[in-house]
Amino acid sequence: MRSENCFFLVSQQPAYKYNIEAEIVKRLNAICAQVIPFLSQEHQQQVVQAVERAKQVTMAELNAIIG
């Protein structure tokens, strides 16, 4: 029974990690949505462009930046 529990935890770990990452993204998007209206028009455009660029980053690019 114990090995079955370990397998369950290991198999569920990627899904749990994904849920945490999805929650972080959701919260950051909410923060951006609240802050952007207070920026000047120029800065609003820059932030929107940066967010759009960030959405296009691949895992390979992210690993290259981090590693």
PDB file of N, CA and C in Angstrom:
ATOM      1  N   MET A   1       0.823  -1.196   0.000  1.00  0.00           N
ATOM      2  CA  MET A   1       0.000   0.000   0.000  1.00  0.00           C
ATOM      3  C   MET A   1       0.868   1.260   0.000  1.00  0.00           C
ATOM      4  N   ARG A   2       1.956   1.229   0.722  1.00  0.00           N
ATOM      5  CA  ARG A   2       2.802   2.403   0.804  1.00  0.00           C
ATOM      6  C   ARG A   2       3.391   2.769  -0.560  1.00  0.00           C
ATOM      7  N   SER A   3       3.864   1.774  -1.321  1.00  0.00           N
ATOM      8  CA  SER A   3       4.418   2.058  -2.649  1.00  0.00           C
ATOM      9  C   SER A   3       3.349   2.620  -3.581  1.00  0.00           C
ATOM     10  N   GLU A   4       2.109   2.180  -3.404  1.00  0.00           N
ATOM     11  CA  GLU A   4       1.024   2.715  -4.226  1.00  0.00           C
ATOM     12  C   GLU A   4       0.815   4.199  -3.923  1.00  0.00           C
ATOM     13  N   ASN A   5       0.910   4.580  -2.658  1.00  0.00           N
ATOM     14  CA  ASN A   5       0.765   5.977  -2.282  1.00  0.00           C
ATOM     15  C   ASN A   5       1.892   6.812  -2.872  1.00  0.00           C
ATOM     16  N   CYS A   6       3.112   6.293  -2.846  1.00  0.00           N
ATOM     17  CA  CYS A   6       4.246   7.009  -3.427  1.00  0.00           C
ATOM     18  C   CYS A   6       4.043   7.198  -4.922  1.00  0.00           C
ATOM     19  N   PHE A   7       3.591   6.153  -5.604  1.00  0.00           N
ATOM     20  CA  PHE A   7       3.336   6.258  -7.038  1.00  0.00           C
ATOM     21  C   PHE A   7       2.279   7.314  -7.313  1.00  0.00           C
ATOM     22  N   PHE A   8       1.223   7.329  -6.528  1.00  0.00           N
ATOM     23  CA  PHE A   8       0.158   8.312  -6.705  1.00  0.00           C
ATOM     24  C   PHE A   8       0.708   9.722  -6.550  1.00  0.00           C
ATOM     25  N   LEU A   9       1.523   9.940  -5.523  1.00  0.00           N
ATOM     26  CA  LEU A   9       2.084  11.268  -5.289  1.00  0.00           C
ATOM     27  C   LEU A   9       2.994  11.692  -6.431  1.00  0.00           C
ATOM     28  N   VAL A  10       3.828  10.780  -6.903  1.00  0.00           N
ATOM     29  CA  VAL A  10       4.738  11.098  -8.000  1.00  0.00           C
ATOM     30  C   VAL A  10       3.959  11.352  -9.285  1.00  0.00           C
ATOM     31  N   SER A  11       2.941  10.554  -9.539  1.00  0.00           N
ATOM     32  CA  SER A  11       2.177  10.732 -10.771  1.00  0.00           C
ATOM     33  C   SER A  11       1.330  11.998 -10.740  1.00  0.00           C
ATOM     34  N   GLN A  12       0.954  12.452  -9.571  1.00  0.00           N
ATOM     35  CA  GLN A  12       0.128  13.653  -9.457  1.00  0.00           C
ATOM     36  C   GLN A  12       0.953  14.931  -9.366  1.00  0.00           C
ATOM     37  N   GLN A  13       2.250  14.801  -9.138  1.00  0.00           N
ATOM     38  CA  GLN A  13       3.098  15.972  -8.942  1.00  0.00           C
ATOM     39  C   GLN A  13       3.089  16.926 -10.138  1.00  0.00           C
ATOM     40  N   PRO A  14       3.231  16.453 -11.388  1.00  0.00           N
ATOM     41  CA  PRO A  14       3.203  17.393 -12.511  1.00  0.00           C
ATOM     42  C   PRO A  14       1.874  18.157 -12.610  1.00  0.00           C
ATOM     43  N   ALA A  15       0.763  17.489 -12.369  1.00  0.00           N
ATOM     44  CA  ALA A  15      -0.539  18.170 -12.424  1.00  0.00           C
ATOM     45  C   ALA A  15      -0.640  19.213 -11.327  1.00  0.00           C
ATOM     46  N   TYR A  16      -0.142  18.888 -10.141  1.00  0.00           N
ATOM     47  CA  TYR A  16      -0.166  19.832  -9.031  1.00  0.00           C
ATOM     48  C   TYR A  16       0.687  21.054  -9.358  1.00  0.00           C
ATOM     49  N   LYS A  17       1.873  20.800  -9.925  1.00  0.00           N
ATOM     50  CA  LYS A  17       2.767  21.898 -10.293  1.00  0.00           C
ATOM     51  C   LYS A  17       2.102  22.778 -11.343  1.00  0.00           C
ATOM     52  N   TYR A  18       1.450  22.149 -12.325  1.00  0.00           N
ATOM     53  CA  TYR A  18       0.769  22.921 -13.358  1.00  0.00           C
ATOM     54  C   TYR A  18      -0.329  23.787 -12.747  1.00  0.00           C
ATOM     55  N   ASN A  19      -1.087  23.244 -11.797  1.00  0.00           N
ATOM     56  CA  ASN A  19      -2.158  24.013 -11.158  1.00  0.00           C
ATOM     57  C   ASN A  19      -1.600  25.218 -10.419  1.00  0.00           C
ATOM     58  N   ILE A  20      -0.462  25.043  -9.759  1.00  0.00           N
ATOM     59  CA  ILE A  20       0.163  26.169  -9.061  1.00  0.00           C
ATOM     60  C   ILE A  20       0.606  27.225 -10.061  1.00  0.00           C
ATOM     61  N   GLU A  21       1.249  26.791 -11.156  1.00  0.00           N
ATOM     62  CA  GLU A  21       1.693  27.734 -12.173  1.00  0.00           C
ATOM     63  C   GLU A  21       0.513  28.469 -12.793  1.00  0.00           C
ATOM     64  N   ALA A  22      -0.572  27.764 -13.047  1.00  0.00           N
ATOM     65  CA  ALA A  22      -1.762  28.390 -13.623  1.00  0.00           C
ATOM     66  C   ALA A  22      -2.338  29.429 -12.661  1.00  0.00           C
ATOM     67  N   GLU A  23      -2.317  29.133 -11.375  1.00  0.00           N
ATOM     68  CA  GLU A  23      -2.823  30.082 -10.378  1.00  0.00           C
ATOM     69  C   GLU A  23      -1.937  31.329 -10.321  1.00  0.00           C
ATOM     70  N   ILE A  24      -0.632  31.142 -10.407  1.00  0.00           N
ATOM     71  CA  ILE A  24       0.292  32.284 -10.407  1.00  0.00           C
ATOM     72  C   ILE A  24       0.029  33.171 -11.620  1.00  0.00           C
ATOM     73  N   VAL A  25      -0.139  32.559 -12.790  1.00  0.00           N
ATOM     74  CA  VAL A  25      -0.410  33.318 -14.011  1.00  0.00           C
ATOM     75  C   VAL A  25      -1.713  34.089 -13.880  1.00  0.00           C
ATOM     76  N   LYS A  26      -2.722  33.445 -13.338  1.00  0.00           N
ATOM     77  CA  LYS A  26      -4.026  34.098 -13.167  1.00  0.00           C
ATOM     78  C   LYS A  26      -3.904  35.318 -12.250  1.00  0.00           C
ATOM     79  N   ARG A  27      -3.173  35.167 -11.174  1.00  0.00           N
ATOM     80  CA  ARG A  27      -3.014  36.287 -10.228  1.00  0.00           C
ATOM     81  C   ARG A  27      -2.186  37.415 -10.814  1.00  0.00           C
ATOM     82  N   LEU A  28      -1.114  37.074 -11.542  1.00  0.00           N
ATOM     83  CA  LEU A  28      -0.307  38.120 -12.174  1.00  0.00           C
ATOM     84  C   LEU A  28      -1.112  38.881 -13.225  1.00  0.00           C
ATOM     85  N   ASN A  29      -1.932  38.166 -13.984  1.00  0.00           N
ATOM     86  CA  ASN A  29      -2.797  38.831 -14.961  1.00  0.00           C
ATOM     87  C   ASN A  29      -3.768  39.785 -14.279  1.00  0.00           C
ATOM     88  N   ALA A  30      -4.312  39.374 -13.149  1.00  0.00           N
ATOM     89  CA  ALA A  30      -5.240  40.234 -12.406  1.00  0.00           C
ATOM     90  C   ALA A  30      -4.529  41.490 -11.903  1.00  0.00           C
ATOM     91  N   ILE A  31      -3.298  41.325 -11.415  1.00  0.00           N
ATOM     92  CA  ILE A  31      -2.528  42.479 -10.935  1.00  0.00           C
ATOM     93  C   ILE A  31      -2.255  43.441 -12.089  1.00  0.00           C
ATOM     94  N   CYS A  32      -1.829  42.897 -13.234  1.00  0.00           N
ATOM     95  CA  CYS A  32      -1.574  43.749 -14.400  1.00  0.00           C
ATOM     96  C   CYS A  32      -2.837  44.498 -14.815  1.00  0.00           C
ATOM     97  N   ALA A  33      -3.951  43.805 -14.839  1.00  0.00           N
ATOM     98  CA  ALA A  33      -5.211  44.438 -15.233  1.00  0.00           C
ATOM     99  C   ALA A  33      -5.594  45.577 -14.292  1.00  0.00           C
ATOM    100  N   GLN A  34      -5.232  45.466 -13.027  1.00  0.00           N
ATOM    101  CA  GLN A  34      -5.551  46.529 -12.071  1.00  0.00           C
ATOM    102  C   GLN A  34      -4.583  47.694 -12.162  1.00  0.00           C
ATOM    103  N   VAL A  35      -3.332  47.428 -12.520  1.00  0.00           N
ATOM    104  CA  VAL A  35      -2.301  48.469 -12.526  1.00  0.00           C
ATOM    105  C   VAL A  35      -2.254  49.233 -13.841  1.00  0.00           C
ATOM    106  N   ILE A  36      -2.472  48.554 -14.948  1.00  0.00           N
ATOM    107  CA  ILE A  36      -2.321  49.167 -16.274  1.00  0.00           C
ATOM    108  C   ILE A  36      -3.125  50.460 -16.439  1.00  0.00           C
ATOM    109  N   PRO A  37      -4.367  50.543 -15.995  1.00  0.00           N
ATOM    110  CA  PRO A  37      -5.114  51.792 -16.188  1.00  0.00           C
ATOM    111  C   PRO A  37      -4.483  53.023 -15.516  1.00  0.00           C
ATOM    112  N   PHE A  38      -3.640  52.822 -14.520  1.00  0.00           N
ATOM    113  CA  PHE A  38      -3.007  53.945 -13.827  1.00  0.00           C
ATOM    114  C   PHE A  38      -1.740  54.429 -14.536  1.00  0.00           C
ATOM    115  N   LEU A  39      -1.275  53.704 -15.521  1.00  0.00           N
ATOM    116  CA  LEU A  39      -0.077  54.088 -16.251  1.00  0.00           C
ATOM    117  C   LEU A  39      -0.424  55.089 -17.345  1.00  0.00           C
ATOM    118  N   SER A  40       0.602  55.822 -17.788  1.00  0.00           N
ATOM    119  CA  SER A  40       0.397  56.707 -18.927  1.00  0.00           C
ATOM    120  C   SER A  40       0.109  55.854 -20.155  1.00  0.00           C
ATOM    121  N   GLN A  41      -0.445  56.481 -21.178  1.00  0.00           N
ATOM    122  CA  GLN A  41      -0.795  55.750 -22.396  1.00  0.00           C
ATOM    123  C   GLN A  41       0.423  55.046 -22.986  1.00  0.00           C
ATOM    124  N   GLU A  42       1.550  55.740 -22.997  1.00  0.00           N
ATOM    125  CA  GLU A  42       2.791  55.161 -23.539  1.00  0.00           C
ATOM    126  C   GLU A  42       3.201  53.914 -22.759  1.00  0.00           C
ATOM    127  N   HIS A  43       3.163  54.019 -21.440  1.00  0.00           N
ATOM    128  CA  HIS A  43       3.554  52.880 -20.609  1.00  0.00           C
ATOM    129  C   HIS A  43       2.538  51.738 -20.700  1.00  0.00           C
ATOM    130  N   GLN A  44       1.282  52.080 -20.853  1.00  0.00           N
ATOM    131  CA  GLN A  44       0.262  51.037 -21.034  1.00  0.00           C
ATOM    132  C   GLN A  44       0.586  50.195 -22.267  1.00  0.00           C
ATOM    133  N   GLN A  45       0.925  50.869 -23.343  1.00  0.00           N
ATOM    134  CA  GLN A  45       1.255  50.156 -24.580  1.00  0.00           C
ATOM    135  C   GLN A  45       2.484  49.272 -24.393  1.00  0.00           C
ATOM    136  N   GLN A  46       3.491  49.786 -23.688  1.00  0.00           N
ATOM    137  CA  GLN A  46       4.706  49.005 -23.447  1.00  0.00           C
ATOM    138  C   GLN A  46       4.416  47.760 -22.621  1.00  0.00           C
ATOM    139  N   VAL A  47       3.586  47.912 -21.597  1.00  0.00           N
ATOM    140  CA  VAL A  47       3.253  46.771 -20.737  1.00  0.00           C
ATOM    141  C   VAL A  47       2.447  45.737 -21.515  1.00  0.00           C
ATOM    142  N   VAL A  48       1.479  46.186 -22.283  1.00  0.00           N
ATOM    143  CA  VAL A  48       0.662  45.253 -23.074  1.00  0.00           C
ATOM    144  C   VAL A  48       1.543  44.502 -24.062  1.00  0.00           C
ATOM    145  N   GLN A  49       2.478  45.190 -24.708  1.00  0.00           N
ATOM    146  CA  GLN A  49       3.391  44.529 -25.643  1.00  0.00           C
ATOM    147  C   GLN A  49       4.289  43.523 -24.915  1.00  0.00           C
ATOM    148  N   ALA A  50       4.783  43.892 -23.740  1.00  0.00           N
ATOM    149  CA  ALA A  50       5.642  42.983 -22.965  1.00  0.00           C
ATOM    150  C   ALA A  50       4.875  41.741 -22.536  1.00  0.00           C
ATOM    151  N   VAL A  51       3.629  41.917 -22.127  1.00  0.00           N
ATOM    152  CA  VAL A  51       2.811  40.775 -21.730  1.00  0.00           C
ATOM    153  C   VAL A  51       2.562  39.862 -22.923  1.00  0.00           C
ATOM    154  N   GLU A  52       2.291  40.436 -24.070  1.00  0.00           N
ATOM    155  CA  GLU A  52       2.069  39.626 -25.275  1.00  0.00           C
ATOM    156  C   GLU A  52       3.339  38.869 -25.659  1.00  0.00           C
ATOM    157  N   ARG A  53       4.498  39.518 -25.542  1.00  0.00           N
ATOM    158  CA  ARG A  53       5.767  38.823 -25.813  1.00  0.00           C
ATOM    159  C   ARG A  53       5.974  37.684 -24.832  1.00  0.00           C
ATOM    160  N   ALA A  54       5.656  37.931 -23.568  1.00  0.00           N
ATOM    161  CA  ALA A  54       5.836  36.901 -22.534  1.00  0.00           C
ATOM    162  C   ALA A  54       4.961  35.681 -22.810  1.00  0.00           C
ATOM    163  N   LYS A  55       3.785  35.885 -23.362  1.00  0.00           N
ATOM    164  CA  LYS A  55       2.887  34.767 -23.676  1.00  0.00           C
ATOM    165  C   LYS A  55       3.463  33.870 -24.770  1.00  0.00           C
ATOM    166  N   GLN A  56       4.385  34.400 -25.566  1.00  0.00           N
ATOM    167  CA  GLN A  56       4.933  33.665 -26.698  1.00  0.00           C
ATOM    168  C   GLN A  56       6.225  32.909 -26.352  1.00  0.00           C
ATOM    169  N   VAL A  57       6.747  33.094 -25.143  1.00  0.00           N
ATOM    170  CA  VAL A  57       7.997  32.450 -24.755  1.00  0.00           C
ATOM    171  C   VAL A  57       7.780  30.943 -24.640  1.00  0.00           C
ATOM    172  N   THR A  58       8.667  30.178 -25.249  1.00  0.00           N
ATOM    173  CA  THR A  58       8.576  28.722 -25.198  1.00  0.00           C
ATOM    174  C   THR A  58       9.357  28.201 -23.998  1.00  0.00           C
ATOM    175  N   MET A  59       9.127  26.955 -23.649  1.00  0.00           N
ATOM    176  CA  MET A  59       9.874  26.347 -22.549  1.00  0.00           C
ATOM    177  C   MET A  59      11.368  26.307 -22.860  1.00  0.00           C
ATOM    178  N   ALA A  60      11.738  26.051 -24.101  1.00  0.00           N
ATOM    179  CA  ALA A  60      13.148  26.012 -24.481  1.00  0.00           C
ATOM    180  C   ALA A  60      13.801  27.377 -24.264  1.00  0.00           C
ATOM    181  N   GLU A  61      13.117  28.435 -24.657  1.00  0.00           N
ATOM    182  CA  GLU A  61      13.641  29.792 -24.445  1.00  0.00           C
ATOM    183  C   GLU A  61      13.747  30.110 -22.967  1.00  0.00           C
ATOM    184  N   LEU A  62      12.744  29.716 -22.202  1.00  0.00           N
ATOM    185  CA  LEU A  62      12.757  29.964 -20.768  1.00  0.00           C
ATOM    186  C   LEU A  62      13.914  29.228 -20.098  1.00  0.00           C
ATOM    187  N   ASN A  63      14.119  27.980 -20.472  1.00  0.00           N
ATOM    188  CA  ASN A  63      15.231  27.201 -19.913  1.00  0.00           C
ATOM    189  C   ASN A  63      16.576  27.811 -20.312  1.00  0.00           C
ATOM    190  N   ALA A  64      16.680  28.345 -21.514  1.00  0.00           N
ATOM    191  CA  ALA A  64      17.921  28.980 -21.948  1.00  0.00           C
ATOM    192  C   ALA A  64      18.210  30.233 -21.136  1.00  0.00           C
ATOM    193  N   ILE A  65      17.166  30.963 -20.797  1.00  0.00           N
ATOM    194  CA  ILE A  65      17.332  32.185 -20.000  1.00  0.00           C
ATOM    195  C   ILE A  65      17.732  31.837 -18.574  1.00  0.00           C
ATOM    196  N   ILE A  66      17.055  30.860 -17.999  1.00  0.00           N
ATOM    197  CA  ILE A  66      17.293  30.476 -16.608  1.00  0.00           C
ATOM    198  C   ILE A  66      18.617  29.723 -16.458  1.00  0.00           C
ATOM    199  N   GLY A  67      18.846  28.776 -17.379  1.00  0.00           N
ATOM    200  CA  GLY A  67      20.020  27.897 -17.273  1.00  0.00           C
ATOM    201  C   GLY A  67      21.214  28.565 -17.802  1.00  0.00           C
TER     202      GLY A  67
END
